[in-house]
């Protein structure tokens, strides 16, 4: 036994304990009318194993499955798939701890990468989708809405260098109305497109200056455009 899902020696002593062979695997555990039902261990030829509960020949309930590539899942199963709450460990060190739906990350959960990156929030079809917070290894942080693993909707980027953007996003970039504040005190408030100042906006330089430099007017892809 690789896990502590149940006491294998205790299961072996039960009347309904049996062995069932498959083309690529062997099952040892509880059987009911020839079907895997109760606690049992399934060992595959290709270095894969499942230890846990079964119902009507399906992985059902609490279980641990280690795959041939070294990845491992431990948590709830329904009809043979991760469903409910569980922890998935990748062989490279990544970890997801959260909710699952029919085999994919879905609901609320935390993912941690191997270089210090992390995401805590809502998931849909194994991708960040809904409200969530992503922290990058360099200290940058985004908190807000996600769609299909991209910043999309309302949110804020808090950069490690002290700059902050708050506003609208579309497909991963600032897009729509927003406010960008630089660490030095300068501020731009207005419209953005594809991550750049674009449309009507106002820029002010308010720090370390005897007078307040200011521009209000139109921007075109980060450059002042026309009179202001």
Protein backbone atom coordinates (compact mmCIF):
# COMPACT_ATOMS: atom_id res chain seq x y z
CA UNK A 1 0.00 0.00 0.00
CA UNK A 2 1.29 3.43 -0.99
CA UNK A 3 -1.50 5.28 0.81
CA UNK A 4 -3.42 5.07 4.08
CA UNK A 5 -6.80 4.71 2.44
CA UNK A 6 -7.56 1.50 4.33
CA UNK A 7 -5.99 -1.44 6.18
CA UNK A 8 -5.16 -3.94 3.46
CA UNK A 9 -4.55 -6.80 5.91
CA UNK A 10 -7.97 -6.24 7.39
CA UNK A 11 -9.58 -6.32 3.94
CA UNK A 12 -7.74 -9.56 3.12
CA UNK A 13 -9.40 -11.24 6.07
CA UNK A 14 -12.92 -10.43 4.87
CA UNK A 15 -15.13 -13.09 3.29
CA UNK A 16 -15.76 -11.03 0.15
CA UNK A 17 -12.05 -10.46 -0.52
CA UNK A 18 -10.96 -11.69 -3.90
CA UNK A 19 -8.59 -11.37 -6.82
CA UNK A 20 -9.69 -10.37 -10.30
CA UNK A 21 -7.36 -10.33 -13.31
CA UNK A 22 -7.63 -8.01 -16.29
CA UNK A 23 -5.63 -7.81 -19.51
CA UNK A 24 -3.32 -5.12 -18.15
CA UNK A 25 -4.01 -5.14 -14.40
CA UNK A 26 -4.85 -7.12 -11.27
CA UNK A 27 -7.43 -6.16 -8.65
CA UNK A 28 -7.23 -7.31 -5.03
CA UNK A 29 -10.01 -6.31 -2.71
CA UNK A 30 -13.70 -6.57 -1.99
CA UNK A 31 -16.00 -8.06 -4.61
CA UNK A 32 -19.78 -8.15 -4.89
CA UNK A 33 -21.32 -10.45 -7.47
CA UNK A 34 -18.08 -10.38 -9.43
CA UNK A 35 -17.76 -6.59 -9.42
CA UNK A 36 -15.26 -4.43 -7.56
CA UNK A 37 -17.25 -3.05 -4.63
CA UNK A 38 -15.81 -1.77 -1.35
CA UNK A 39 -12.10 -1.24 -0.76
CA UNK A 40 -9.46 -2.54 -3.09
CA UNK A 41 -6.18 -2.10 -4.94
CA UNK A 42 -5.79 -2.07 -8.72
CA UNK A 43 -2.22 -2.56 -9.95
CA UNK A 44 -1.46 -2.03 -13.64
CA UNK A 45 1.46 -3.34 -15.65
CA UNK A 46 2.61 0.14 -16.64
CA UNK A 47 3.56 1.29 -13.12
CA UNK A 48 0.10 2.65 -12.30
CA UNK A 49 -1.91 1.93 -9.16
CA UNK A 50 -5.25 2.84 -7.58
CA UNK A 51 -5.98 2.34 -3.89
CA UNK A 52 -9.36 3.18 -2.48
CA UNK A 53 -13.08 2.69 -2.59
CA UNK A 54 -15.14 1.11 -5.35
CA UNK A 55 -18.83 0.82 -6.17
CA UNK A 56 -20.37 -1.26 -8.93
CA UNK A 57 -16.96 -1.67 -10.66
CA UNK A 58 -16.17 2.10 -10.59
CA UNK A 59 -13.71 4.07 -8.50
CA UNK A 60 -16.21 5.66 -6.15
CA UNK A 61 -15.57 7.53 -2.88
CA UNK A 62 -12.13 8.21 -1.43
CA UNK A 63 -9.09 7.04 -3.33
CA UNK A 64 -5.50 7.56 -4.44
CA UNK A 65 -4.30 7.02 -7.99
CA UNK A 66 -0.67 7.19 -9.09
CA UNK A 67 -0.19 7.32 -12.83
CA UNK A 68 2.59 5.85 -14.92
CA UNK A 69 4.06 9.33 -15.55
CA UNK A 70 4.55 9.90 -11.81
CA UNK A 71 1.57 12.22 -11.29
CA UNK A 72 -0.75 11.43 -8.38
CA UNK A 73 -4.32 12.29 -7.39
CA UNK A 74 -5.79 11.78 -3.94
CA UNK A 75 -9.37 12.66 -3.10
CA UNK A 76 -12.95 12.06 -4.16
CA UNK A 77 -14.03 9.90 -7.10
CA UNK A 78 -17.43 9.51 -8.77
CA UNK A 79 -18.01 7.00 -11.57
CA UNK A 80 -14.26 6.52 -12.02
CA UNK A 81 -13.29 10.20 -12.27
CA UNK A 82 -11.99 12.85 -9.89
CA UNK A 83 -15.13 14.58 -8.63
CA UNK A 84 -15.52 16.61 -5.44
CA UNK A 85 -12.42 17.67 -3.50
CA UNK A 86 -8.94 16.39 -4.14
CA UNK A 87 -5.22 17.10 -4.44
CA UNK A 88 -3.28 16.50 -7.66
CA UNK A 89 0.53 16.30 -7.54
CA UNK A 90 2.50 16.52 -10.77
CA UNK A 91 5.81 14.69 -10.98
CA UNK A 92 7.57 18.03 -11.61
CA UNK A 93 6.39 19.43 -8.26
CA UNK A 94 3.26 21.38 -9.25
CA UNK A 95 0.22 20.95 -6.96
CA UNK A 96 -3.49 21.66 -7.30
CA UNK A 97 -5.66 21.44 -4.18
CA UNK A 98 -9.34 22.08 -4.73
CA UNK A 99 -12.58 21.08 -6.38
CA UNK A 100 -13.11 18.76 -9.34
CA UNK A 101 -15.95 17.94 -11.70
CA UNK A 102 -15.94 14.77 -13.82
CA UNK A 103 -12.16 14.64 -14.04
CA UNK A 104 -11.30 18.32 -14.51
CA UNK A 105 -10.49 21.20 -12.16
CA UNK A 106 -13.80 22.97 -11.64
CA UNK A 107 -14.92 25.12 -8.72
CA UNK A 108 -12.55 26.69 -6.21
CA UNK A 109 -8.93 25.72 -5.78
CA UNK A 110 -5.27 26.59 -5.33
CA UNK A 111 -2.54 25.83 -7.87
CA UNK A 112 1.15 26.19 -6.98
CA UNK A 113 3.91 26.07 -9.57
CA UNK A 114 7.50 24.99 -9.11
CA UNK A 115 9.00 28.47 -9.44
CA UNK A 116 6.86 30.31 -6.88
CA UNK A 117 3.87 31.13 -9.09
CA UNK A 118 0.41 30.47 -7.68
CA UNK A 119 -3.28 30.92 -8.48
CA UNK A 120 -6.11 30.90 -5.94
CA UNK A 121 -9.65 31.21 -7.15
CA UNK A 122 -12.33 29.83 -9.42
CA UNK A 123 -11.79 27.23 -12.15
CA UNK A 124 -13.81 25.96 -15.08
CA UNK A 125 -12.83 23.03 -17.30
CA UNK A 126 -9.33 23.00 -15.72
CA UNK A 127 -8.67 26.68 -16.49
CA UNK A 128 -8.76 29.83 -14.35
CA UNK A 129 -12.25 31.20 -14.91
CA UNK A 130 -14.15 33.54 -12.59
CA UNK A 131 -12.59 35.53 -9.76
CA UNK A 132 -9.04 34.72 -8.73
CA UNK A 133 -5.61 35.91 -7.63
CA UNK A 134 -2.43 35.02 -9.52
CA UNK A 135 0.95 35.66 -7.93
CA UNK A 136 4.07 35.56 -10.12
CA UNK A 137 7.54 34.62 -8.91
CA UNK A 138 8.83 38.17 -9.52
CA UNK A 139 6.27 39.61 -7.06
CA UNK A 140 3.69 40.83 -9.59
CA UNK A 141 0.08 40.07 -8.61
CA UNK A 142 -3.24 40.20 -10.42
CA UNK A 143 -6.60 40.06 -8.68
CA UNK A 144 -9.84 40.07 -10.61
CA UNK A 145 -11.86 38.32 -13.27
CA UNK A 146 -10.56 35.54 -15.51
CA UNK A 147 -11.93 33.82 -18.60
CA UNK A 148 -10.21 30.77 -20.06
CA UNK A 149 -6.94 31.50 -18.17
CA UNK A 150 -6.83 35.12 -19.34
CA UNK A 151 -7.48 38.36 -17.42
CA UNK A 152 -10.90 39.44 -18.65
CA UNK A 153 -13.33 41.86 -17.02
CA UNK A 154 -12.62 43.97 -13.92
CA UNK A 155 -9.31 43.60 -12.14
CA UNK A 156 -6.10 45.05 -10.75
CA UNK A 157 -2.42 44.45 -11.49
CA UNK A 158 -0.10 45.24 -8.59
CA UNK A 159 3.45 45.17 -9.94
CA UNK A 160 6.56 44.43 -7.92
CA UNK A 161 8.08 47.75 -9.02
CA UNK A 162 5.29 49.69 -7.26
CA UNK A 163 3.10 50.48 -10.28
CA UNK A 164 -0.63 49.66 -10.11
CA UNK A 165 -3.28 49.31 -12.80
CA UNK A 166 -6.99 49.03 -11.99
CA UNK A 167 -9.68 48.78 -14.60
CA UNK A 168 -11.02 46.69 -17.45
CA UNK A 169 -9.27 43.82 -19.24
CA UNK A 170 -9.96 41.93 -22.44
CA UNK A 171 -8.21 38.69 -23.37
CA UNK A 172 -5.29 39.24 -21.02
CA UNK A 173 -4.59 42.94 -21.57
CA UNK A 174 -5.83 46.27 -20.23
CA UNK A 175 -8.71 47.23 -22.49
CA UNK A 176 -11.46 49.77 -21.84
CA UNK A 177 -11.45 52.29 -19.01
CA UNK A 178 -8.77 52.14 -16.36
CA UNK A 179 -6.31 53.93 -14.11
CA UNK A 180 -2.54 53.39 -14.18
CA UNK A 181 -0.50 54.76 -11.27
CA UNK A 182 3.28 54.80 -11.44
CA UNK A 183 5.44 54.45 -8.35
CA UNK A 184 6.81 57.98 -8.91
CA UNK A 185 3.30 59.45 -8.48
CA UNK A 186 2.39 59.96 -12.13
CA UNK A 187 -1.10 58.82 -13.10
CA UNK A 188 -3.05 58.12 -16.27
CA UNK A 189 -6.82 57.84 -16.20
CA UNK A 190 -8.71 57.04 -19.35
CA UNK A 191 -9.09 54.50 -22.11
CA UNK A 192 -6.86 51.54 -22.99
CA UNK A 193 -6.63 49.14 -25.90
CA UNK A 194 -4.55 45.95 -26.08
CA UNK A 195 -2.57 47.01 -23.00
CA UNK A 196 -1.76 50.53 -24.21
CA UNK A 197 -3.18 54.01 -23.65
CA UNK A 198 -5.64 54.44 -26.50
CA UNK A 199 -8.59 56.80 -26.76
CA UNK A 200 -9.39 59.72 -24.49
CA UNK A 201 -7.39 60.06 -21.32
CA UNK A 202 -5.62 62.33 -18.86
CA UNK A 203 -2.01 62.02 -17.71
CA UNK A 204 -0.54 63.92 -14.76
CA UNK A 205 2.94 64.13 -13.36
CA UNK A 206 2.45 65.03 -9.71
CA UNK A 207 5.57 63.88 -7.87
CA UNK A 208 8.92 65.63 -7.45
CA UNK A 209 7.84 68.50 -9.64
CA UNK A 210 7.42 72.21 -8.90
CA UNK A 211 4.50 72.32 -11.31
CA UNK A 212 1.98 69.74 -12.31
CA UNK A 213 2.70 68.58 -15.86
CA UNK A 214 -0.54 67.44 -17.45
CA UNK A 215 -1.99 66.25 -20.72
CA UNK A 216 -5.66 65.64 -21.46
CA UNK A 217 -6.70 64.49 -24.90
CA UNK A 218 -6.51 61.60 -27.32
CA UNK A 219 -3.98 58.78 -27.32
CA UNK A 220 -3.19 56.29 -30.06
CA UNK A 221 -1.43 53.11 -28.93
CA UNK A 222 0.50 54.75 -26.06
CA UNK A 223 1.29 58.00 -27.91
CA UNK A 224 -0.34 61.41 -27.63
CA UNK A 225 -2.46 62.01 -30.70
CA UNK A 226 -3.56 65.56 -31.62
CA UNK A 227 -3.96 68.58 -29.42
CA UNK A 228 -4.59 68.29 -25.72
